[in-house]
Amino acid sequence: MAKATDVVRLLLGSTALCFSLLDARTASASKSVTAHLAAKWPETPLLLEASEFMAEESNEKFWQFLETVQELAIYKQTESAYSYYNLILKKAGQFLDNLHINLLKFAFSIRAYSPTIQMFQQIAADEPPPDGCDAFVVIHKKHTCKINEIKKLLKKATSRPRPYLFKGDHKFPTNKENLPVIILYAEMGTRAFGKFHPVLSEKAKNGEILYVLRHYIQKPVSKKMYLSGYGVELAIKSTEYKALDDTQVKTVTNATVEDGIETNEVQGFLFGKLKS
């Protein structure tokens, strides 16, 4: 529960990106007003957001979940969005209890981990990715999207600068840290990911490399990313103005003031009589 709360606070504090107001009605009109504020990045895959939820639970659960969804994204093309959503929940249910499944659903509803996916996407864009590659690896400043070139680039990897690793990076479980680092940029669940992962995980198990995974979406969707927000107010001001005759207003005001003075009594003095 505490982890989920931290995620929500992080989302609300770092993005404040979206709000929705429904059925805002005025006395003069019955039409509803709906307002949306979209994020600057496109919609992110729910499968990747689910993996980040797993990573919050533990690094072990993240990699266990990853093994069960290596090529799950292919079902996205044949299944409906709702069926694919339930399929992700079913896969996650192998490692989570009912309480955490409900928390995952809540995280999906507010897109709590979408900013994290976009963070990895921006890191990948700064590499930059090789042209025409659905997935690629970076081995100490050297890029490739061909599996057969990995062995060659590993030979002199230690002579090149070691890459900087971020706190949120997903490291394959290993007992050694002082190893050549291979960073895989790929979209979990795709065929391109399925080709790289078995090779890199095997090398990591054998103690040859430190395997790091970062999310990378080669072709982001064009659909906008809408997020939920709280404590947002939409104020609507009427810009209709009515024309009034200023002379009539002044006359009425002056007459009212005079009447007030005539009937006003202050400490026994009748100013109306004194004036006359």
C-alpha atoms as a PDB file:
ATOM      1  CA  MET A   1       0.000   0.000   0.000  1.00  0.00           C
ATOM      2  CA  ALA A   2       2.820   2.419   0.867  1.00  0.00           C
ATOM      3  CA  LYS A   3       4.535   1.761  -2.464  1.00  0.00           C
ATOM      4  CA  ALA A   4       1.345   2.421  -4.384  1.00  0.00           C
ATOM      5  CA  THR A   5       0.838   5.671  -2.428  1.00  0.00           C
ATOM      6  CA  ASP A   6       4.378   6.787  -3.250  1.00  0.00           C
ATOM      7  CA  VAL A   7       3.777   6.100  -6.930  1.00  0.00           C
ATOM      8  CA  VAL A   8       0.589   8.160  -6.950  1.00  0.00           C
ATOM      9  CA  ARG A   9       2.331  11.032  -5.135  1.00  0.00           C
ATOM     10  CA  LEU A  10       5.209  10.899  -7.595  1.00  0.00           C
ATOM     11  CA  LEU A  11       2.835  11.020 -10.512  1.00  0.00           C
ATOM     12  CA  LEU A  12       0.832  13.924  -9.135  1.00  0.00           C
ATOM     13  CA  GLY A  13       3.967  15.846  -8.055  1.00  0.00           C
ATOM     14  CA  SER A  14       5.991  15.374 -11.250  1.00  0.00           C
ATOM     15  CA  THR A  15       3.446  15.596 -13.991  1.00  0.00           C
ATOM     16  CA  ALA A  16       0.157  17.282 -13.027  1.00  0.00           C
ATOM     17  CA  LEU A  17      -0.696  16.529 -16.611  1.00  0.00           C
ATOM     18  CA  CYS A  18      -4.398  15.767 -16.916  1.00  0.00           C
ATOM     19  CA  PHE A  19      -7.761  16.634 -15.473  1.00  0.00           C
ATOM     20  CA  SER A  20     -11.318  15.844 -16.433  1.00  0.00           C
ATOM     21  CA  LEU A  21     -14.465  17.703 -15.434  1.00  0.00           C
ATOM     22  CA  LEU A  22     -17.804  16.096 -16.249  1.00  0.00           C
ATOM     23  CA  ASP A  23     -21.343  17.445 -16.016  1.00  0.00           C
ATOM     24  CA  ALA A  24     -20.448  20.993 -14.994  1.00  0.00           C
ATOM     25  CA  ARG A  25     -23.836  22.665 -15.297  1.00  0.00           C
ATOM     26  CA  THR A  26     -24.957  26.268 -14.846  1.00  0.00           C
ATOM     27  CA  ALA A  27     -28.410  27.553 -13.995  1.00  0.00           C
ATOM     28  CA  SER A  28     -28.921  29.010 -17.488  1.00  0.00           C
ATOM     29  CA  ALA A  29     -27.778  25.939 -19.492  1.00  0.00           C
ATOM     30  CA  SER A  30     -28.060  22.178 -19.085  1.00  0.00           C
ATOM     31  CA  LYS A  31     -25.202  21.195 -21.424  1.00  0.00           C
ATOM     32  CA  SER A  32     -22.227  19.459 -19.808  1.00  0.00           C
ATOM     33  CA  VAL A  33     -18.674  20.752 -20.082  1.00  0.00           C
ATOM     34  CA  THR A  34     -15.818  18.269 -20.524  1.00  0.00           C
ATOM     35  CA  ALA A  35     -12.182  19.338 -20.349  1.00  0.00           C
ATOM     36  CA  HIS A  36      -9.034  17.307 -21.001  1.00  0.00           C
ATOM     37  CA  LEU A  37      -5.347  18.097 -20.746  1.00  0.00           C
ATOM     38  CA  ALA A  38      -3.090  15.689 -22.665  1.00  0.00           C
ATOM     39  CA  ALA A  39       0.490  14.761 -21.847  1.00  0.00           C
ATOM     40  CA  LYS A  40       3.278  15.684 -24.246  1.00  0.00           C
ATOM     41  CA  TRP A  41       4.079  12.033 -24.937  1.00  0.00           C
ATOM     42  CA  PRO A  42       1.913   9.376 -26.648  1.00  0.00           C
ATOM     43  CA  GLU A  43       0.071   6.591 -24.880  1.00  0.00           C
ATOM     44  CA  THR A  44       2.347   3.952 -23.354  1.00  0.00           C
ATOM     45  CA  PRO A  45       1.726   0.161 -23.441  1.00  0.00           C
ATOM     46  CA  LEU A  46      -0.035  -1.299 -20.399  1.00  0.00           C
ATOM     47  CA  LEU A  47       2.301  -4.302 -20.453  1.00  0.00           C
ATOM     48  CA  LEU A  48       5.296  -2.064 -19.769  1.00  0.00           C
ATOM     49  CA  GLU A  49       3.414  -0.233 -17.032  1.00  0.00           C
ATOM     50  CA  ALA A  50       2.569  -3.589 -15.442  1.00  0.00           C
ATOM     51  CA  SER A  51       6.257  -4.530 -15.468  1.00  0.00           C
ATOM     52  CA  GLU A  52       7.111  -1.307 -13.624  1.00  0.00           C
ATOM     53  CA  PHE A  53       4.501  -2.177 -11.003  1.00  0.00           C
ATOM     54  CA  MET A  54       6.246  -5.534 -10.619  1.00  0.00           C
ATOM     55  CA  ALA A  55       9.607  -3.806 -10.283  1.00  0.00           C
ATOM     56  CA  GLU A  56       8.194  -1.777  -7.388  1.00  0.00           C
ATOM     57  CA  GLU A  57       7.358  -5.048  -5.665  1.00  0.00           C
ATOM     58  CA  SER A  58      10.793  -6.593  -6.230  1.00  0.00           C
ATOM     59  CA  ASN A  59      13.443  -7.052  -8.893  1.00  0.00           C
ATOM     60  CA  GLU A  60      12.879 -10.803  -8.746  1.00  0.00           C
ATOM     61  CA  LYS A  61       9.173 -10.471  -9.559  1.00  0.00           C
ATOM     62  CA  PHE A  62       9.992  -8.128 -12.440  1.00  0.00           C
ATOM     63  CA  TRP A  63      12.169 -10.725 -14.175  1.00  0.00           C
ATOM     64  CA  GLN A  64       9.756 -13.559 -13.381  1.00  0.00           C
ATOM     65  CA  PHE A  65       6.927 -11.579 -14.935  1.00  0.00           C
ATOM     66  CA  LEU A  66       9.125 -10.754 -17.931  1.00  0.00           C
ATOM     67  CA  GLU A  67       9.762 -14.445 -18.601  1.00  0.00           C
ATOM     68  CA  THR A  68       6.019 -15.126 -18.890  1.00  0.00           C
ATOM     69  CA  VAL A  69       5.304 -12.246 -21.302  1.00  0.00           C
ATOM     70  CA  GLN A  70       8.290 -12.393 -23.652  1.00  0.00           C
ATOM     71  CA  GLU A  71       6.116 -12.260 -26.780  1.00  0.00           C
ATOM     72  CA  LEU A  72       2.758 -11.306 -25.282  1.00  0.00           C
ATOM     73  CA  ALA A  73       2.466  -8.145 -27.405  1.00  0.00           C
ATOM     74  CA  ILE A  74       1.634 -10.198 -30.492  1.00  0.00           C
ATOM     75  CA  TYR A  75      -1.807 -10.863 -28.972  1.00  0.00           C
ATOM     76  CA  LYS A  76      -2.449  -7.118 -28.973  1.00  0.00           C
ATOM     77  CA  GLN A  77      -2.966  -7.257 -32.748  1.00  0.00           C
ATOM     78  CA  THR A  78      -5.571 -10.017 -32.615  1.00  0.00           C
ATOM     79  CA  GLU A  79      -7.344  -9.421 -29.306  1.00  0.00           C
ATOM     80  CA  SER A  80      -9.599  -6.543 -28.274  1.00  0.00           C
ATOM     81  CA  ALA A  81      -8.201  -3.920 -25.917  1.00  0.00           C
ATOM     82  CA  TYR A  82     -10.301  -5.295 -23.050  1.00  0.00           C
ATOM     83  CA  SER A  83      -9.204  -8.892 -23.683  1.00  0.00           C
ATOM     84  CA  TYR A  84      -5.556  -7.846 -23.824  1.00  0.00           C
ATOM     85  CA  TYR A  85      -6.003  -5.904 -20.580  1.00  0.00           C
ATOM     86  CA  ASN A  86      -7.408  -9.003 -18.872  1.00  0.00           C
ATOM     87  CA  LEU A  87      -4.605 -11.126 -20.302  1.00  0.00           C
ATOM     88  CA  ILE A  88      -2.012  -8.848 -18.687  1.00  0.00           C
ATOM     89  CA  LEU A  89      -3.850  -9.062 -15.360  1.00  0.00           C
ATOM     90  CA  LYS A  90      -3.955 -12.855 -15.664  1.00  0.00           C
ATOM     91  CA  LYS A  91      -0.194 -13.020 -16.227  1.00  0.00           C
ATOM     92  CA  ALA A  92       0.436 -10.642 -13.334  1.00  0.00           C
ATOM     93  CA  GLY A  93      -1.888 -12.703 -11.129  1.00  0.00           C
ATOM     94  CA  GLN A  94       0.686 -15.514 -11.155  1.00  0.00           C
ATOM     95  CA  PHE A  95       2.890 -13.383  -8.890  1.00  0.00           C
ATOM     96  CA  LEU A  96       0.411 -11.106  -7.069  1.00  0.00           C
ATOM     97  CA  ASP A  97      -2.410 -11.618  -4.589  1.00  0.00           C
ATOM     98  CA  ASN A  98      -5.892 -10.139  -5.036  1.00  0.00           C
ATOM     99  CA  LEU A  99      -5.036  -6.988  -3.102  1.00  0.00           C
ATOM    100  CA  HIS A 100      -2.074  -6.193  -5.336  1.00  0.00           C
ATOM    101  CA  ILE A 101      -4.082  -7.012  -8.466  1.00  0.00           C
ATOM    102  CA  ASN A 102      -6.580  -4.350  -7.397  1.00  0.00           C
ATOM    103  CA  LEU A 103      -3.696  -1.935  -6.837  1.00  0.00           C
ATOM    104  CA  LEU A 104      -2.425  -2.740 -10.327  1.00  0.00           C
ATOM    105  CA  LYS A 105      -5.866  -1.986 -11.768  1.00  0.00           C
ATOM    106  CA  PHE A 106      -5.847   1.330  -9.932  1.00  0.00           C
ATOM    107  CA  ALA A 107      -2.362   2.099 -11.287  1.00  0.00           C
ATOM    108  CA  PHE A 108      -3.652   1.350 -14.790  1.00  0.00           C
ATOM    109  CA  SER A 109      -6.646   3.650 -14.311  1.00  0.00           C
ATOM    110  CA  ILE A 110      -4.479   6.658 -13.392  1.00  0.00           C
ATOM    111  CA  ARG A 111      -1.591   5.586 -15.678  1.00  0.00           C
ATOM    112  CA  ALA A 112       0.758   5.876 -12.720  1.00  0.00           C
ATOM    113  CA  TYR A 113       3.774   4.331 -14.461  1.00  0.00           C
ATOM    114  CA  SER A 114       3.432   6.031 -17.838  1.00  0.00           C
ATOM    115  CA  PRO A 115       5.945   8.774 -16.892  1.00  0.00           C
ATOM    116  CA  THR A 116       8.485   6.072 -16.029  1.00  0.00           C
ATOM    117  CA  ILE A 117       8.085   4.448 -19.448  1.00  0.00           C
ATOM    118  CA  GLN A 118       8.525   7.827 -21.099  1.00  0.00           C
ATOM    119  CA  MET A 119      11.661   8.425 -19.042  1.00  0.00           C
ATOM    120  CA  PHE A 120      13.253   5.283 -20.503  1.00  0.00           C
ATOM    121  CA  GLN A 121      12.048   6.321 -23.957  1.00  0.00           C
ATOM    122  CA  GLN A 122      13.843   9.647 -23.586  1.00  0.00           C
ATOM    123  CA  ILE A 123      17.027   7.926 -22.412  1.00  0.00           C
ATOM    124  CA  ALA A 124      16.909   5.722 -25.509  1.00  0.00           C
ATOM    125  CA  ALA A 125      16.412   8.770 -27.731  1.00  0.00           C
ATOM    126  CA  ASP A 126      19.594  10.291 -26.303  1.00  0.00           C
ATOM    127  CA  GLU A 127      21.712   7.296 -27.365  1.00  0.00           C
ATOM    128  CA  PRO A 128      20.460   7.580 -30.249  1.00  0.00           C
ATOM    129  CA  PRO A 129      18.884   4.336 -31.560  1.00  0.00           C
ATOM    130  CA  PRO A 130      20.328   2.839 -34.791  1.00  0.00           C
ATOM    131  CA  ASP A 131      18.125   3.363 -37.835  1.00  0.00           C
ATOM    132  CA  GLY A 132      15.544   0.685 -38.556  1.00  0.00           C
ATOM    133  CA  CYS A 133      16.107  -1.293 -35.344  1.00  0.00           C
ATOM    134  CA  ASP A 134      13.144  -2.547 -33.320  1.00  0.00           C
ATOM    135  CA  ALA A 135      15.557  -3.296 -30.464  1.00  0.00           C
ATOM    136  CA  PHE A 136      19.260  -2.671 -29.891  1.00  0.00           C
ATOM    137  CA  VAL A 137      22.016  -3.106 -27.341  1.00  0.00           C
ATOM    138  CA  VAL A 138      24.674  -0.702 -26.099  1.00  0.00           C
ATOM    139  CA  ILE A 139      27.979  -2.268 -25.016  1.00  0.00           C
ATOM    140  CA  HIS A 140      30.208   0.392 -23.488  1.00  0.00           C
ATOM    141  CA  LYS A 141      29.362   3.134 -26.019  1.00  0.00           C
ATOM    142  CA  LYS A 142      29.027   0.726 -28.968  1.00  0.00           C
ATOM    143  CA  HIS A 143      25.588   0.167 -30.525  1.00  0.00           C
ATOM    144  CA  THR A 144      24.237  -2.747 -32.505  1.00  0.00           C
ATOM    145  CA  CYS A 145      20.928  -4.396 -33.314  1.00  0.00           C
ATOM    146  CA  LYS A 146      22.532  -7.621 -34.552  1.00  0.00           C
ATOM    147  CA  ILE A 147      22.897 -10.476 -32.103  1.00  0.00           C
ATOM    148  CA  ASN A 148      25.918 -11.944 -33.878  1.00  0.00           C
ATOM    149  CA  GLU A 149      27.910  -8.756 -33.219  1.00  0.00           C
ATOM    150  CA  ILE A 150      27.573  -8.919 -29.430  1.00  0.00           C
ATOM    151  CA  LYS A 151      30.487 -11.315 -28.959  1.00  0.00           C
ATOM    152  CA  LYS A 152      32.765  -9.084 -31.030  1.00  0.00           C
ATOM    153  CA  LEU A 153      31.869  -5.911 -29.127  1.00  0.00           C
ATOM    154  CA  LEU A 154      32.363  -7.649 -25.778  1.00  0.00           C
ATOM    155  CA  LYS A 155      36.049  -8.432 -26.442  1.00  0.00           C
ATOM    156  CA  LYS A 156      37.325  -4.906 -25.810  1.00  0.00           C
ATOM    157  CA  ALA A 157      34.365  -3.631 -23.821  1.00  0.00           C
ATOM    158  CA  THR A 158      36.347  -3.135 -20.602  1.00  0.00           C
ATOM    159  CA  SER A 159      38.790  -0.815 -22.373  1.00  0.00           C
ATOM    160  CA  ARG A 160      35.914   1.586 -23.115  1.00  0.00           C
ATOM    161  CA  PRO A 161      34.122   3.805 -20.551  1.00  0.00           C
ATOM    162  CA  ARG A 162      31.598   2.011 -18.374  1.00  0.00           C
ATOM    163  CA  PRO A 163      28.019   3.300 -18.905  1.00  0.00           C
ATOM    164  CA  TYR A 164      26.220   5.192 -16.173  1.00  0.00           C
ATOM    165  CA  LEU A 165      23.398   3.178 -14.617  1.00  0.00           C
ATOM    166  CA  PHE A 166      20.325   4.847 -13.172  1.00  0.00           C
ATOM    167  CA  LYS A 167      18.533   3.922  -9.978  1.00  0.00           C
ATOM    168  CA  GLY A 168      15.464   2.756 -11.897  1.00  0.00           C
ATOM    169  CA  ASP A 169      17.383   0.490 -14.298  1.00  0.00           C
ATOM    170  CA  HIS A 170      16.361  -3.170 -14.346  1.00  0.00           C
ATOM    171  CA  LYS A 171      19.406  -5.344 -13.662  1.00  0.00           C
ATOM    172  CA  PHE A 172      19.286  -9.067 -14.242  1.00  0.00           C
ATOM    173  CA  PRO A 173      19.946 -10.843 -10.901  1.00  0.00           C
ATOM    174  CA  THR A 174      23.641 -11.611 -10.530  1.00  0.00           C
ATOM    175  CA  ASN A 175      26.203 -11.883  -7.768  1.00  0.00           C
ATOM    176  CA  LYS A 176      28.846  -9.911  -9.633  1.00  0.00           C
ATOM    177  CA  GLU A 177      28.825  -6.209 -10.485  1.00  0.00           C
ATOM    178  CA  ASN A 178      32.289  -5.677 -11.969  1.00  0.00           C
ATOM    179  CA  LEU A 179      31.385  -7.113 -15.384  1.00  0.00           C
ATOM    180  CA  PRO A 180      30.974  -5.731 -18.914  1.00  0.00           C
ATOM    181  CA  VAL A 181      27.592  -3.998 -19.115  1.00  0.00           C
ATOM    182  CA  ILE A 182      25.130  -4.711 -21.910  1.00  0.00           C
ATOM    183  CA  ILE A 183      22.074  -2.454 -21.961  1.00  0.00           C
ATOM    184  CA  LEU A 184      19.146  -3.758 -23.974  1.00  0.00           C
ATOM    185  CA  TYR A 185      16.696  -1.205 -25.326  1.00  0.00           C
ATOM    186  CA  ALA A 186      13.561  -3.063 -26.355  1.00  0.00           C
ATOM    187  CA  GLU A 187       9.806  -3.263 -25.911  1.00  0.00           C
ATOM    188  CA  MET A 188       8.935  -6.152 -23.663  1.00  0.00           C
ATOM    189  CA  GLY A 189       6.587  -8.677 -25.258  1.00  0.00           C
ATOM    190  CA  THR A 190       7.695  -8.114 -28.867  1.00  0.00           C
ATOM    191  CA  ARG A 191       9.504 -10.567 -31.152  1.00  0.00           C
ATOM    192  CA  ALA A 192      12.573  -8.302 -31.249  1.00  0.00           C
ATOM    193  CA  PHE A 193      12.788  -8.488 -27.476  1.00  0.00           C
ATOM    194  CA  GLY A 194      12.267 -12.249 -27.590  1.00  0.00           C
ATOM    195  CA  LYS A 195      15.361 -12.634 -29.783  1.00  0.00           C
ATOM    196  CA  PHE A 196      17.732 -10.666 -27.550  1.00  0.00           C
ATOM    197  CA  HIS A 197      16.549 -11.653 -24.086  1.00  0.00           C
ATOM    198  CA  PRO A 198      17.418 -15.397 -24.114  1.00  0.00           C
ATOM    199  CA  VAL A 199      20.939 -14.660 -25.361  1.00  0.00           C
ATOM    200  CA  LEU A 200      21.642 -11.916 -22.819  1.00  0.00           C
ATOM    201  CA  SER A 201      20.032 -13.709 -19.878  1.00  0.00           C
ATOM    202  CA  GLU A 202      22.126 -16.800 -20.595  1.00  0.00           C
ATOM    203  CA  LYS A 203      25.332 -14.758 -20.604  1.00  0.00           C
ATOM    204  CA  ALA A 204      24.264 -13.075 -17.361  1.00  0.00           C
ATOM    205  CA  LYS A 205      23.602 -16.431 -15.688  1.00  0.00           C
ATOM    206  CA  ASN A 206      27.078 -17.590 -16.728  1.00  0.00           C
ATOM    207  CA  GLY A 207      28.652 -14.528 -15.110  1.00  0.00           C
ATOM    208  CA  GLU A 208      29.873 -13.052 -18.410  1.00  0.00           C
ATOM    209  CA  ILE A 209      27.951  -9.760 -18.410  1.00  0.00           C
ATOM    210  CA  LEU A 210      25.798  -7.421 -16.363  1.00  0.00           C
ATOM    211  CA  TYR A 211      22.481  -7.413 -18.237  1.00  0.00           C
ATOM    212  CA  VAL A 212      20.398  -4.222 -17.959  1.00  0.00           C
ATOM    213  CA  LEU A 213      16.978  -3.685 -19.579  1.00  0.00           C
ATOM    214  CA  ARG A 214      15.515  -0.317 -20.520  1.00  0.00           C
ATOM    215  CA  HIS A 215      12.139   0.127 -22.177  1.00  0.00           C
ATOM    216  CA  TYR A 216      12.222   1.316 -25.787  1.00  0.00           C
ATOM    217  CA  ILE A 217       9.233   1.654 -28.111  1.00  0.00           C
ATOM    218  CA  GLN A 218      10.444   1.805 -31.704  1.00  0.00           C
ATOM    219  CA  LYS A 219       7.100   2.994 -33.101  1.00  0.00           C
ATOM    220  CA  PRO A 220       5.015   4.834 -30.474  1.00  0.00           C
ATOM    221  CA  VAL A 221       1.287   5.066 -31.143  1.00  0.00           C
ATOM    222  CA  SER A 222      -0.215   8.369 -32.236  1.00  0.00           C
ATOM    223  CA  LYS A 223      -2.940   8.263 -29.572  1.00  0.00           C
ATOM    224  CA  LYS A 224      -2.640  10.967 -26.928  1.00  0.00           C
ATOM    225  CA  MET A 225      -1.867  10.126 -23.312  1.00  0.00           C
ATOM    226  CA  TYR A 226      -4.584  11.243 -20.872  1.00  0.00           C
ATOM    227  CA  LEU A 227      -3.920  11.040 -17.140  1.00  0.00           C
ATOM    228  CA  SER A 228      -6.172  11.521 -14.124  1.00  0.00           C
ATOM    229  CA  GLY A 229      -5.689  14.410 -11.723  1.00  0.00           C
ATOM    230  CA  TYR A 230      -7.017  15.676  -8.419  1.00  0.00           C
ATOM    231  CA  GLY A 231      -7.728  19.061  -6.880  1.00  0.00           C
ATOM    232  CA  VAL A 232      -8.324  20.715 -10.260  1.00  0.00           C
ATOM    233  CA  GLU A 233     -10.954  23.402 -10.773  1.00  0.00           C
ATOM    234  CA  LEU A 234     -12.377  24.685 -14.033  1.00  0.00           C
ATOM    235  CA  ALA A 235     -13.723  28.229 -13.536  1.00  0.00           C
ATOM    236  CA  ILE A 236     -16.040  29.561 -16.245  1.00  0.00           C
ATOM    237  CA  LYS A 237     -16.720  33.301 -16.332  1.00  0.00           C
ATOM    238  CA  SER A 238     -19.605  34.841 -18.211  1.00  0.00           C
ATOM    239  CA  THR A 239     -18.461  37.446 -20.744  1.00  0.00           C
ATOM    240  CA  GLU A 240     -21.941  38.808 -21.438  1.00  0.00           C
ATOM    241  CA  TYR A 241     -22.331  42.506 -20.561  1.00  0.00           C
ATOM    242  CA  LYS A 242     -25.558  44.533 -20.344  1.00  0.00           C
ATOM    243  CA  ALA A 243     -25.750  48.174 -21.463  1.00  0.00           C
ATOM    244  CA  LEU A 244     -27.007  50.570 -18.769  1.00  0.00           C
ATOM    245  CA  ASP A 245     -27.825  54.298 -18.862  1.00  0.00           C
ATOM    246  CA  ASP A 246     -25.292  55.878 -16.457  1.00  0.00           C
ATOM    247  CA  THR A 247     -27.342  59.066 -16.036  1.00  0.00           C
ATOM    248  CA  GLN A 248     -30.338  57.159 -14.706  1.00  0.00           C
ATOM    249  CA  VAL A 249     -28.186  55.193 -12.337  1.00  0.00           C
ATOM    250  CA  LYS A 250     -26.601  58.370 -10.923  1.00  0.00           C
ATOM    251  CA  THR A 251     -29.998  60.081 -10.519  1.00  0.00           C
ATOM    252  CA  VAL A 252     -31.441  57.130  -8.648  1.00  0.00           C
ATOM    253  CA  THR A 253     -28.339  56.882  -6.462  1.00  0.00           C
ATOM    254  CA  ASN A 254     -28.356  60.600  -5.572  1.00  0.00           C
ATOM    255  CA  ALA A 255     -32.044  60.511  -4.717  1.00  0.00           C
ATOM    256  CA  THR A 256     -31.510  57.506  -2.477  1.00  0.00           C
ATOM    257  CA  VAL A 257     -28.662  59.259  -0.662  1.00  0.00           C
ATOM    258  CA  GLU A 258     -30.758  62.400  -0.106  1.00  0.00           C
ATOM    259  CA  ASP A 259     -33.662  60.359   1.260  1.00  0.00           C
ATOM    260  CA  GLY A 260     -31.286  58.570   3.575  1.00  0.00           C
ATOM    261  CA  ILE A 261     -29.902  61.844   4.882  1.00  0.00           C
ATOM    262  CA  GLU A 262     -33.370  63.324   5.515  1.00  0.00           C
ATOM    263  CA  THR A 263     -34.469  60.433   7.669  1.00  0.00           C
ATOM    264  CA  ASN A 264     -31.113  59.956   9.345  1.00  0.00           C
ATOM    265  CA  GLU A 265     -30.740  60.985  12.986  1.00  0.00           C
ATOM    266  CA  VAL A 266     -27.308  61.118  14.618  1.00  0.00           C
ATOM    267  CA  GLN A 267     -27.180  61.644  18.396  1.00  0.00           C
ATOM    268  CA  GLY A 268     -30.365  63.696  18.416  1.00  0.00           C
ATOM    269  CA  PHE A 269     -29.512  65.920  15.414  1.00  0.00           C
ATOM    270  CA  LEU A 270     -32.001  65.741  12.538  1.00  0.00           C
ATOM    271  CA  PHE A 271     -29.834  66.630   9.575  1.00  0.00           C
ATOM    272  CA  GLY A 272     -32.853  66.786   7.276  1.00  0.00           C
ATOM    273  CA  LYS A 273     -34.406  69.676   9.233  1.00  0.00           C
ATOM    274  CA  LEU A 274     -31.045  71.414   9.653  1.00  0.00           C
ATOM    275  CA  LYS A 275     -30.509  71.315   5.907  1.00  0.00           C
ATOM    276  CA  SER A 276     -33.920  72.822   5.193  1.00  0.00           C
END
